[in-house]
N, C-alpha and C. Protein backbone atom coordinates (compact mmCIF):
# COMPACT_ATOMS: atom_id res chain seq x y z
N MET A 1 -25.74 4.57 -24.48
CA MET A 1 -24.54 4.27 -25.23
C MET A 1 -23.50 3.67 -24.29
N ALA A 2 -22.86 2.61 -24.70
CA ALA A 2 -21.88 1.92 -23.88
C ALA A 2 -20.62 2.77 -23.72
N GLU A 3 -20.03 2.67 -22.55
CA GLU A 3 -18.82 3.40 -22.25
C GLU A 3 -17.61 2.69 -22.87
N VAL A 4 -16.75 3.45 -23.50
CA VAL A 4 -15.56 2.87 -24.12
C VAL A 4 -14.58 2.47 -23.03
N GLU A 5 -13.99 1.29 -23.16
CA GLU A 5 -13.06 0.79 -22.16
C GLU A 5 -11.81 1.65 -22.09
N ASP A 6 -11.25 1.75 -20.88
CA ASP A 6 -10.05 2.54 -20.65
C ASP A 6 -8.90 2.08 -21.54
N GLU A 7 -8.77 0.77 -21.71
CA GLU A 7 -7.67 0.23 -22.49
C GLU A 7 -7.74 0.66 -23.96
N ILE A 8 -8.94 0.76 -24.50
CA ILE A 8 -9.11 1.22 -25.88
C ILE A 8 -8.75 2.70 -25.98
N ILE A 9 -9.20 3.47 -25.01
CA ILE A 9 -8.87 4.90 -25.00
C ILE A 9 -7.37 5.10 -24.90
N MET A 10 -6.72 4.32 -24.03
CA MET A 10 -5.28 4.47 -23.86
C MET A 10 -4.54 4.08 -25.14
N GLN A 11 -5.05 3.10 -25.85
CA GLN A 11 -4.42 2.73 -27.12
C GLN A 11 -4.54 3.87 -28.12
N HIS A 12 -5.67 4.58 -28.12
CA HIS A 12 -5.83 5.75 -28.99
C HIS A 12 -4.82 6.83 -28.62
N VAL A 13 -4.63 7.03 -27.31
CA VAL A 13 -3.65 8.02 -26.84
C VAL A 13 -2.25 7.62 -27.32
N LYS A 14 -1.91 6.34 -27.15
CA LYS A 14 -0.60 5.86 -27.61
C LYS A 14 -0.43 6.06 -29.12
N ASP A 15 -1.53 5.95 -29.85
CA ASP A 15 -1.49 6.12 -31.31
C ASP A 15 -1.42 7.59 -31.73
N GLY A 16 -1.41 8.50 -30.75
CA GLY A 16 -1.24 9.92 -31.06
C GLY A 16 -2.47 10.78 -30.88
N ASN A 17 -3.61 10.20 -30.55
CA ASN A 17 -4.82 10.97 -30.34
C ASN A 17 -4.86 11.43 -28.88
N LEU A 18 -4.07 12.44 -28.55
CA LEU A 18 -3.91 12.90 -27.17
C LEU A 18 -5.18 13.48 -26.57
N SER A 19 -6.10 13.92 -27.40
CA SER A 19 -7.35 14.49 -26.88
C SER A 19 -8.18 13.43 -26.15
N GLU A 20 -7.94 12.16 -26.44
CA GLU A 20 -8.65 11.07 -25.76
C GLU A 20 -8.32 11.02 -24.27
N MET A 21 -7.17 11.60 -23.88
CA MET A 21 -6.78 11.61 -22.47
C MET A 21 -7.80 12.36 -21.64
N SER A 22 -8.54 13.28 -22.25
CA SER A 22 -9.55 14.03 -21.50
C SER A 22 -10.65 13.11 -20.97
N VAL A 23 -10.92 12.01 -21.68
CA VAL A 23 -11.93 11.05 -21.20
C VAL A 23 -11.43 10.38 -19.92
N LEU A 24 -10.16 9.96 -19.93
CA LEU A 24 -9.59 9.35 -18.73
C LEU A 24 -9.51 10.37 -17.59
N PHE A 25 -9.19 11.61 -17.93
CA PHE A 25 -9.16 12.65 -16.91
C PHE A 25 -10.53 12.80 -16.26
N GLU A 26 -11.57 12.87 -17.05
CA GLU A 26 -12.93 13.02 -16.50
C GLU A 26 -13.32 11.82 -15.63
N ARG A 27 -12.89 10.64 -16.01
CA ARG A 27 -13.23 9.43 -15.25
C ARG A 27 -12.47 9.33 -13.93
N TYR A 28 -11.24 9.79 -13.90
CA TYR A 28 -10.37 9.47 -12.77
C TYR A 28 -9.82 10.65 -11.99
N ASN A 29 -9.99 11.88 -12.43
CA ASN A 29 -9.31 12.98 -11.75
C ASN A 29 -9.74 13.14 -10.30
N VAL A 30 -11.01 12.98 -9.98
CA VAL A 30 -11.47 13.13 -8.59
C VAL A 30 -10.92 12.00 -7.73
N ARG A 31 -10.98 10.78 -8.25
CA ARG A 31 -10.47 9.63 -7.50
C ARG A 31 -8.98 9.76 -7.24
N LEU A 32 -8.24 10.20 -8.24
CA LEU A 32 -6.80 10.37 -8.05
C LEU A 32 -6.48 11.53 -7.12
N TYR A 33 -7.24 12.60 -7.22
CA TYR A 33 -7.08 13.71 -6.29
C TYR A 33 -7.29 13.21 -4.86
N ASN A 34 -8.34 12.43 -4.64
CA ASN A 34 -8.62 11.91 -3.30
C ASN A 34 -7.52 10.94 -2.85
N TYR A 35 -6.97 10.18 -3.77
CA TYR A 35 -5.84 9.29 -3.45
C TYR A 35 -4.67 10.11 -2.94
N PHE A 36 -4.31 11.15 -3.68
CA PHE A 36 -3.20 12.01 -3.26
C PHE A 36 -3.53 12.75 -1.96
N LEU A 37 -4.77 13.17 -1.81
CA LEU A 37 -5.18 13.88 -0.60
C LEU A 37 -5.03 13.00 0.63
N LYS A 38 -5.39 11.74 0.51
CA LYS A 38 -5.23 10.82 1.64
C LYS A 38 -3.75 10.64 1.99
N LEU A 39 -2.88 10.71 0.99
CA LEU A 39 -1.45 10.51 1.23
C LEU A 39 -0.75 11.78 1.72
N THR A 40 -1.12 12.93 1.15
CA THR A 40 -0.39 14.16 1.45
C THR A 40 -1.04 15.03 2.51
N ARG A 41 -2.36 14.92 2.63
CA ARG A 41 -3.13 15.76 3.56
C ARG A 41 -3.03 17.24 3.22
N ASN A 42 -2.92 17.52 1.91
CA ASN A 42 -2.78 18.90 1.48
C ASN A 42 -3.51 19.08 0.15
N ASN A 43 -4.49 20.00 0.14
CA ASN A 43 -5.31 20.23 -1.06
C ASN A 43 -4.49 20.67 -2.27
N LEU A 44 -3.66 21.69 -2.09
CA LEU A 44 -2.91 22.24 -3.21
C LEU A 44 -1.91 21.24 -3.77
N VAL A 45 -1.23 20.54 -2.90
CA VAL A 45 -0.27 19.52 -3.35
C VAL A 45 -1.01 18.42 -4.10
N SER A 46 -2.17 18.03 -3.60
CA SER A 46 -2.95 16.97 -4.25
C SER A 46 -3.41 17.40 -5.64
N GLN A 47 -3.81 18.66 -5.77
CA GLN A 47 -4.20 19.18 -7.09
C GLN A 47 -3.01 19.15 -8.05
N ASP A 48 -1.86 19.61 -7.56
CA ASP A 48 -0.66 19.62 -8.39
C ASP A 48 -0.25 18.21 -8.81
N LEU A 49 -0.27 17.28 -7.86
CA LEU A 49 0.11 15.91 -8.17
C LEU A 49 -0.85 15.28 -9.18
N THR A 50 -2.13 15.57 -9.05
CA THR A 50 -3.11 15.04 -10.00
C THR A 50 -2.85 15.57 -11.39
N GLN A 51 -2.63 16.86 -11.48
CA GLN A 51 -2.33 17.47 -12.78
C GLN A 51 -1.03 16.90 -13.36
N ASN A 52 -0.01 16.79 -12.52
CA ASN A 52 1.28 16.26 -12.98
C ASN A 52 1.15 14.81 -13.43
N LEU A 53 0.28 14.06 -12.77
CA LEU A 53 0.09 12.66 -13.15
C LEU A 53 -0.43 12.56 -14.58
N PHE A 54 -1.43 13.35 -14.92
CA PHE A 54 -1.98 13.28 -16.27
C PHE A 54 -0.97 13.79 -17.31
N TYR A 55 -0.16 14.73 -16.91
CA TYR A 55 0.93 15.17 -17.79
C TYR A 55 1.91 14.01 -18.03
N ARG A 56 2.28 13.32 -16.95
CA ARG A 56 3.19 12.17 -17.06
C ARG A 56 2.57 11.05 -17.89
N MET A 57 1.27 10.85 -17.74
CA MET A 57 0.61 9.80 -18.52
C MET A 57 0.73 10.08 -20.02
N ILE A 58 0.62 11.33 -20.39
CA ILE A 58 0.78 11.68 -21.80
C ILE A 58 2.25 11.53 -22.21
N ARG A 59 3.12 12.04 -21.36
CA ARG A 59 4.56 12.00 -21.67
C ARG A 59 5.07 10.56 -21.80
N TYR A 60 4.61 9.69 -20.91
CA TYR A 60 5.10 8.30 -20.89
C TYR A 60 4.06 7.32 -21.41
N LYS A 61 3.22 7.78 -22.32
CA LYS A 61 2.13 6.95 -22.86
C LYS A 61 2.63 5.64 -23.46
N ASN A 62 3.83 5.65 -24.00
CA ASN A 62 4.37 4.44 -24.63
C ASN A 62 4.82 3.39 -23.61
N SER A 63 4.87 3.75 -22.34
CA SER A 63 5.22 2.75 -21.32
C SER A 63 4.02 1.90 -20.93
N TYR A 64 2.83 2.31 -21.35
CA TYR A 64 1.62 1.52 -21.06
C TYR A 64 1.66 0.23 -21.85
N ARG A 65 1.40 -0.87 -21.17
CA ARG A 65 1.35 -2.20 -21.79
C ARG A 65 -0.06 -2.73 -21.68
N SER A 66 -0.59 -3.22 -22.77
CA SER A 66 -1.99 -3.65 -22.83
C SER A 66 -2.29 -4.86 -21.94
N GLU A 67 -1.27 -5.58 -21.48
CA GLU A 67 -1.55 -6.73 -20.59
C GLU A 67 -1.94 -6.29 -19.19
N TYR A 68 -1.75 -5.02 -18.87
CA TYR A 68 -2.17 -4.47 -17.58
C TYR A 68 -3.36 -3.55 -17.78
N SER A 69 -4.14 -3.39 -16.72
CA SER A 69 -5.26 -2.45 -16.81
C SER A 69 -4.72 -1.03 -16.78
N VAL A 70 -5.45 -0.13 -17.37
CA VAL A 70 -5.07 1.28 -17.36
C VAL A 70 -5.05 1.78 -15.92
N LYS A 71 -6.03 1.33 -15.12
CA LYS A 71 -6.08 1.75 -13.72
C LYS A 71 -4.81 1.37 -12.97
N ALA A 72 -4.36 0.13 -13.15
CA ALA A 72 -3.15 -0.32 -12.46
C ALA A 72 -1.94 0.50 -12.91
N TRP A 73 -1.82 0.74 -14.21
CA TRP A 73 -0.72 1.54 -14.74
C TRP A 73 -0.77 2.97 -14.20
N MET A 74 -1.97 3.53 -14.17
CA MET A 74 -2.17 4.90 -13.70
C MET A 74 -1.80 5.03 -12.22
N TYR A 75 -2.27 4.10 -11.40
CA TYR A 75 -1.99 4.17 -9.97
C TYR A 75 -0.53 3.86 -9.65
N LYS A 76 0.10 3.02 -10.45
CA LYS A 76 1.52 2.78 -10.26
C LYS A 76 2.29 4.07 -10.54
N MET A 77 1.90 4.76 -11.61
CA MET A 77 2.52 6.03 -11.93
C MET A 77 2.23 7.07 -10.84
N ALA A 78 1.00 7.07 -10.31
CA ALA A 78 0.64 7.99 -9.23
C ALA A 78 1.48 7.71 -7.98
N ARG A 79 1.66 6.45 -7.68
CA ARG A 79 2.48 6.07 -6.52
C ARG A 79 3.91 6.57 -6.70
N ASN A 80 4.47 6.37 -7.89
CA ASN A 80 5.83 6.84 -8.15
C ASN A 80 5.93 8.35 -8.08
N LEU A 81 4.91 9.04 -8.55
CA LEU A 81 4.88 10.50 -8.47
C LEU A 81 4.86 10.95 -7.01
N HIS A 82 4.08 10.27 -6.19
CA HIS A 82 4.03 10.60 -4.76
C HIS A 82 5.37 10.33 -4.09
N ILE A 83 6.01 9.23 -4.45
CA ILE A 83 7.34 8.93 -3.89
C ILE A 83 8.33 10.03 -4.27
N ASP A 84 8.30 10.46 -5.52
CA ASP A 84 9.17 11.56 -5.97
C ASP A 84 8.88 12.83 -5.17
N TYR A 85 7.60 13.12 -4.96
CA TYR A 85 7.21 14.29 -4.17
C TYR A 85 7.78 14.20 -2.76
N CYS A 86 7.65 13.04 -2.12
CA CYS A 86 8.15 12.86 -0.75
C CYS A 86 9.66 13.04 -0.68
N LYS A 87 10.37 12.53 -1.67
CA LYS A 87 11.82 12.69 -1.70
C LYS A 87 12.18 14.17 -1.81
N GLU A 88 11.48 14.89 -2.67
CA GLU A 88 11.73 16.32 -2.85
C GLU A 88 11.41 17.09 -1.57
N GLU A 89 10.30 16.77 -0.94
CA GLU A 89 9.91 17.45 0.29
C GLU A 89 10.89 17.16 1.42
N LYS A 90 11.38 15.94 1.46
CA LYS A 90 12.35 15.57 2.49
C LYS A 90 13.63 16.37 2.31
N ARG A 91 14.04 16.53 1.06
CA ARG A 91 15.23 17.34 0.78
C ARG A 91 15.02 18.79 1.17
N SER A 92 13.81 19.29 0.98
CA SER A 92 13.56 20.70 1.29
C SER A 92 13.12 20.90 2.74
N GLY A 93 12.94 19.82 3.50
CA GLY A 93 12.63 19.93 4.91
C GLY A 93 11.19 20.24 5.23
N GLU A 94 10.27 20.05 4.28
CA GLU A 94 8.87 20.39 4.51
C GLU A 94 7.96 19.17 4.47
N LEU A 95 8.51 17.99 4.76
CA LEU A 95 7.72 16.76 4.62
C LEU A 95 6.57 16.70 5.61
N PHE A 96 6.79 17.19 6.81
CA PHE A 96 5.76 17.05 7.83
C PHE A 96 4.80 18.23 7.76
N LEU A 97 3.62 17.93 7.25
CA LEU A 97 2.62 18.97 7.03
C LEU A 97 1.72 19.09 8.24
N ASN A 98 1.10 20.22 8.38
CA ASN A 98 0.15 20.44 9.46
C ASN A 98 -1.11 19.64 9.18
N THR A 99 -1.43 18.68 10.04
CA THR A 99 -2.58 17.82 9.80
C THR A 99 -3.90 18.56 10.02
N ASP A 100 -3.86 19.73 10.64
CA ASP A 100 -5.10 20.49 10.81
C ASP A 100 -5.62 21.01 9.47
N SER A 101 -4.75 21.10 8.47
CA SER A 101 -5.18 21.60 7.16
C SER A 101 -5.81 20.52 6.31
N TYR A 102 -5.85 19.31 6.82
CA TYR A 102 -6.39 18.17 6.07
C TYR A 102 -7.90 18.29 5.99
N SER A 103 -8.42 18.29 4.76
CA SER A 103 -9.86 18.41 4.60
C SER A 103 -10.43 17.10 4.08
N ILE A 104 -11.74 17.03 4.05
CA ILE A 104 -12.41 15.81 3.60
C ILE A 104 -12.28 15.65 2.10
N ASP A 105 -12.54 14.45 1.62
CA ASP A 105 -12.50 14.17 0.18
C ASP A 105 -13.55 15.02 -0.53
N VAL A 106 -13.33 15.25 -1.79
CA VAL A 106 -14.25 16.03 -2.60
C VAL A 106 -15.64 15.40 -2.60
N THR A 107 -15.70 14.08 -2.66
CA THR A 107 -16.98 13.41 -2.78
C THR A 107 -17.54 12.92 -1.45
N ASP A 108 -16.79 13.12 -0.35
CA ASP A 108 -17.28 12.66 0.95
C ASP A 108 -18.44 13.53 1.43
N GLU A 109 -19.39 12.89 2.04
CA GLU A 109 -20.47 13.61 2.69
C GLU A 109 -20.73 12.94 4.02
N ASN A 110 -20.97 13.74 5.04
CA ASN A 110 -21.21 13.20 6.37
C ASN A 110 -22.68 12.83 6.51
N GLU A 111 -23.01 11.65 6.09
CA GLU A 111 -24.39 11.19 6.20
C GLU A 111 -24.44 9.96 7.07
N GLY A 112 -25.18 10.02 8.18
CA GLY A 112 -25.45 8.84 8.96
C GLY A 112 -24.47 8.52 10.06
N PHE A 113 -23.32 9.15 10.12
CA PHE A 113 -22.34 8.85 11.16
C PHE A 113 -21.98 10.14 11.89
N PRO A 114 -21.85 10.05 13.21
CA PRO A 114 -21.44 11.24 13.97
C PRO A 114 -20.02 11.68 13.58
N GLU A 115 -19.77 12.96 13.68
CA GLU A 115 -18.47 13.54 13.32
C GLU A 115 -17.33 12.89 14.10
N GLU A 116 -17.57 12.57 15.38
CA GLU A 116 -16.49 11.98 16.18
C GLU A 116 -16.06 10.60 15.66
N ASP A 117 -16.96 9.88 14.99
CA ASP A 117 -16.59 8.60 14.37
C ASP A 117 -15.58 8.84 13.25
N TYR A 118 -15.79 9.87 12.44
CA TYR A 118 -14.86 10.19 11.37
C TYR A 118 -13.51 10.62 11.95
N GLU A 119 -13.56 11.42 13.01
CA GLU A 119 -12.32 11.87 13.64
C GLU A 119 -11.54 10.70 14.22
N ARG A 120 -12.23 9.78 14.87
CA ARG A 120 -11.57 8.59 15.44
C ARG A 120 -10.97 7.75 14.32
N LEU A 121 -11.69 7.61 13.22
CA LEU A 121 -11.17 6.84 12.10
C LEU A 121 -9.93 7.50 11.52
N GLU A 122 -9.95 8.81 11.35
CA GLU A 122 -8.79 9.53 10.81
C GLU A 122 -7.59 9.40 11.74
N LEU A 123 -7.80 9.51 13.04
CA LEU A 123 -6.71 9.33 14.01
C LEU A 123 -6.15 7.91 13.94
N SER A 124 -7.04 6.95 13.84
CA SER A 124 -6.62 5.55 13.74
C SER A 124 -5.86 5.32 12.44
N PHE A 125 -6.37 5.88 11.38
CA PHE A 125 -5.75 5.74 10.06
C PHE A 125 -4.35 6.34 10.07
N ALA A 126 -4.20 7.49 10.72
CA ALA A 126 -2.90 8.17 10.79
C ALA A 126 -1.87 7.35 11.56
N SER A 127 -2.32 6.45 12.44
CA SER A 127 -1.39 5.66 13.24
C SER A 127 -0.80 4.48 12.46
N LEU A 128 -1.35 4.18 11.31
CA LEU A 128 -0.84 3.08 10.48
C LEU A 128 0.48 3.48 9.82
N SER A 129 1.24 2.49 9.39
CA SER A 129 2.46 2.77 8.63
C SER A 129 2.06 3.31 7.26
N ASN A 130 3.00 3.96 6.58
CA ASN A 130 2.72 4.48 5.24
C ASN A 130 2.27 3.38 4.30
N ASP A 131 2.92 2.22 4.38
CA ASP A 131 2.57 1.10 3.50
C ASP A 131 1.15 0.61 3.77
N GLN A 132 0.78 0.53 5.06
CA GLN A 132 -0.57 0.08 5.41
C GLN A 132 -1.62 1.08 4.94
N ARG A 133 -1.34 2.37 5.15
CA ARG A 133 -2.28 3.40 4.70
C ARG A 133 -2.46 3.33 3.19
N GLU A 134 -1.36 3.23 2.47
CA GLU A 134 -1.43 3.18 1.01
C GLU A 134 -2.24 1.99 0.54
N LEU A 135 -2.06 0.85 1.16
CA LEU A 135 -2.78 -0.36 0.79
C LEU A 135 -4.28 -0.18 1.00
N ILE A 136 -4.67 0.38 2.13
CA ILE A 136 -6.09 0.61 2.41
C ILE A 136 -6.67 1.66 1.46
N ILE A 137 -5.91 2.69 1.17
CA ILE A 137 -6.37 3.73 0.24
C ILE A 137 -6.64 3.12 -1.13
N LEU A 138 -5.69 2.33 -1.62
CA LEU A 138 -5.85 1.73 -2.95
C LEU A 138 -7.04 0.77 -3.00
N SER A 139 -7.19 -0.03 -1.95
CA SER A 139 -8.23 -1.06 -1.96
C SER A 139 -9.60 -0.50 -1.59
N ARG A 140 -9.69 0.13 -0.45
CA ARG A 140 -11.00 0.52 0.07
C ARG A 140 -11.49 1.87 -0.45
N TYR A 141 -10.59 2.84 -0.57
CA TYR A 141 -11.01 4.17 -1.02
C TYR A 141 -11.04 4.27 -2.54
N GLN A 142 -10.07 3.62 -3.21
CA GLN A 142 -9.99 3.72 -4.67
C GLN A 142 -10.66 2.54 -5.36
N GLY A 143 -10.99 1.50 -4.63
CA GLY A 143 -11.73 0.37 -5.19
C GLY A 143 -10.94 -0.51 -6.15
N LEU A 144 -9.63 -0.52 -6.01
CA LEU A 144 -8.81 -1.36 -6.89
C LEU A 144 -8.85 -2.81 -6.41
N LYS A 145 -8.73 -3.73 -7.35
CA LYS A 145 -8.70 -5.15 -7.04
C LYS A 145 -7.30 -5.53 -6.58
N TYR A 146 -7.21 -6.62 -5.83
CA TYR A 146 -5.90 -7.07 -5.34
C TYR A 146 -4.93 -7.32 -6.49
N GLU A 147 -5.43 -7.81 -7.61
CA GLU A 147 -4.57 -8.06 -8.77
C GLU A 147 -3.96 -6.75 -9.28
N GLU A 148 -4.76 -5.68 -9.30
CA GLU A 148 -4.26 -4.38 -9.74
C GLU A 148 -3.26 -3.82 -8.73
N ILE A 149 -3.56 -3.99 -7.45
CA ILE A 149 -2.66 -3.51 -6.41
C ILE A 149 -1.33 -4.26 -6.48
N SER A 150 -1.39 -5.55 -6.79
CA SER A 150 -0.14 -6.32 -6.88
C SER A 150 0.76 -5.79 -7.99
N VAL A 151 0.16 -5.33 -9.08
CA VAL A 151 0.94 -4.72 -10.17
C VAL A 151 1.53 -3.39 -9.71
N ILE A 152 0.73 -2.59 -9.04
CA ILE A 152 1.18 -1.27 -8.58
C ILE A 152 2.32 -1.39 -7.59
N LEU A 153 2.18 -2.30 -6.62
CA LEU A 153 3.17 -2.43 -5.56
C LEU A 153 4.26 -3.46 -5.86
N ASN A 154 4.13 -4.13 -7.00
CA ASN A 154 5.10 -5.13 -7.42
C ASN A 154 5.26 -6.24 -6.37
N GLN A 155 4.11 -6.74 -5.90
CA GLN A 155 4.06 -7.83 -4.93
C GLN A 155 3.04 -8.86 -5.41
N SER A 156 3.14 -10.06 -4.89
CA SER A 156 2.19 -11.10 -5.28
C SER A 156 0.82 -10.82 -4.66
N VAL A 157 -0.22 -11.38 -5.27
CA VAL A 157 -1.57 -11.22 -4.75
C VAL A 157 -1.68 -11.79 -3.33
N PRO A 158 -1.13 -12.99 -3.04
CA PRO A 158 -1.20 -13.49 -1.66
C PRO A 158 -0.51 -12.56 -0.66
N ALA A 159 0.60 -11.95 -1.06
CA ALA A 159 1.29 -11.00 -0.17
C ALA A 159 0.42 -9.77 0.08
N ILE A 160 -0.29 -9.31 -0.94
CA ILE A 160 -1.19 -8.17 -0.80
C ILE A 160 -2.33 -8.53 0.17
N LYS A 161 -2.89 -9.72 0.02
CA LYS A 161 -3.98 -10.16 0.89
C LYS A 161 -3.54 -10.22 2.34
N VAL A 162 -2.36 -10.75 2.59
CA VAL A 162 -1.84 -10.84 3.96
C VAL A 162 -1.61 -9.44 4.52
N ALA A 163 -0.98 -8.58 3.73
CA ALA A 163 -0.71 -7.21 4.18
C ALA A 163 -2.01 -6.46 4.45
N MET A 164 -3.02 -6.66 3.61
CA MET A 164 -4.31 -6.00 3.81
C MET A 164 -4.97 -6.50 5.09
N HIS A 165 -4.93 -7.79 5.31
CA HIS A 165 -5.50 -8.36 6.53
C HIS A 165 -4.84 -7.74 7.77
N ARG A 166 -3.53 -7.64 7.74
CA ARG A 166 -2.79 -7.06 8.88
C ARG A 166 -3.11 -5.58 9.05
N ALA A 167 -3.22 -4.86 7.96
CA ALA A 167 -3.51 -3.42 8.04
C ALA A 167 -4.91 -3.19 8.63
N ILE A 168 -5.89 -3.95 8.16
CA ILE A 168 -7.26 -3.81 8.68
C ILE A 168 -7.32 -4.21 10.15
N LYS A 169 -6.62 -5.26 10.49
CA LYS A 169 -6.58 -5.72 11.89
C LYS A 169 -5.98 -4.63 12.78
N ARG A 170 -4.90 -4.02 12.32
CA ARG A 170 -4.26 -2.94 13.09
C ARG A 170 -5.18 -1.72 13.18
N LEU A 171 -5.81 -1.35 12.08
CA LEU A 171 -6.74 -0.22 12.08
C LEU A 171 -7.89 -0.47 13.04
N ARG A 172 -8.45 -1.63 12.97
CA ARG A 172 -9.55 -2.01 13.86
C ARG A 172 -9.12 -1.94 15.32
N GLY A 173 -7.93 -2.48 15.61
CA GLY A 173 -7.42 -2.48 16.98
C GLY A 173 -7.23 -1.08 17.54
N VAL A 174 -6.64 -0.21 16.74
CA VAL A 174 -6.42 1.18 17.18
C VAL A 174 -7.74 1.92 17.32
N TYR A 175 -8.64 1.72 16.37
CA TYR A 175 -9.94 2.40 16.38
C TYR A 175 -10.73 2.05 17.64
N PHE A 176 -10.81 0.76 17.98
CA PHE A 176 -11.62 0.36 19.12
C PHE A 176 -10.93 0.57 20.46
N LYS A 177 -9.62 0.84 20.45
CA LYS A 177 -8.90 1.17 21.68
C LYS A 177 -9.26 2.56 22.16
N GLN A 178 -9.78 3.39 21.29
CA GLN A 178 -10.04 4.80 21.62
C GLN A 178 -11.29 4.99 22.47
N PHE A 179 -12.03 3.93 22.75
CA PHE A 179 -13.25 4.08 23.55
C PHE A 179 -12.93 4.36 24.99
């Protein structure tokens, strides 16, 4: 049986069939949790942000516009939720979390690469700016297209491509400097 498109499901949600949101939750909750985990480095915060995101999606369902993909709308909302979280944490003085508590993604498995390669990559990744990390997370970890990222970040596709090229170049440079 063919999978129903996200945009059709979201239109049903907008029309008042809120139970349809469970389909989107099943499709995206792990990916969004991993997105937040890469940004916050905290399991509990990532779980809360993921749950709050789906609550916001229901609350602000009428802000969804069919000319954009549901994924782009969802990740833009996730980005805004993370920004709100960072502002709140900055006000409360707890923004800087212990990086030792950072665990692997739910779906990650260490197959084929030595552990020190993952550690070097994480150290290199941590050296990037927040904007560079977010761009790589959206593109490489979340699999979003540049067009979707441009909607989320409110930048042109060429600007996204240039920023991605610079971020990868910086990541590569830092990673190979560690030898």
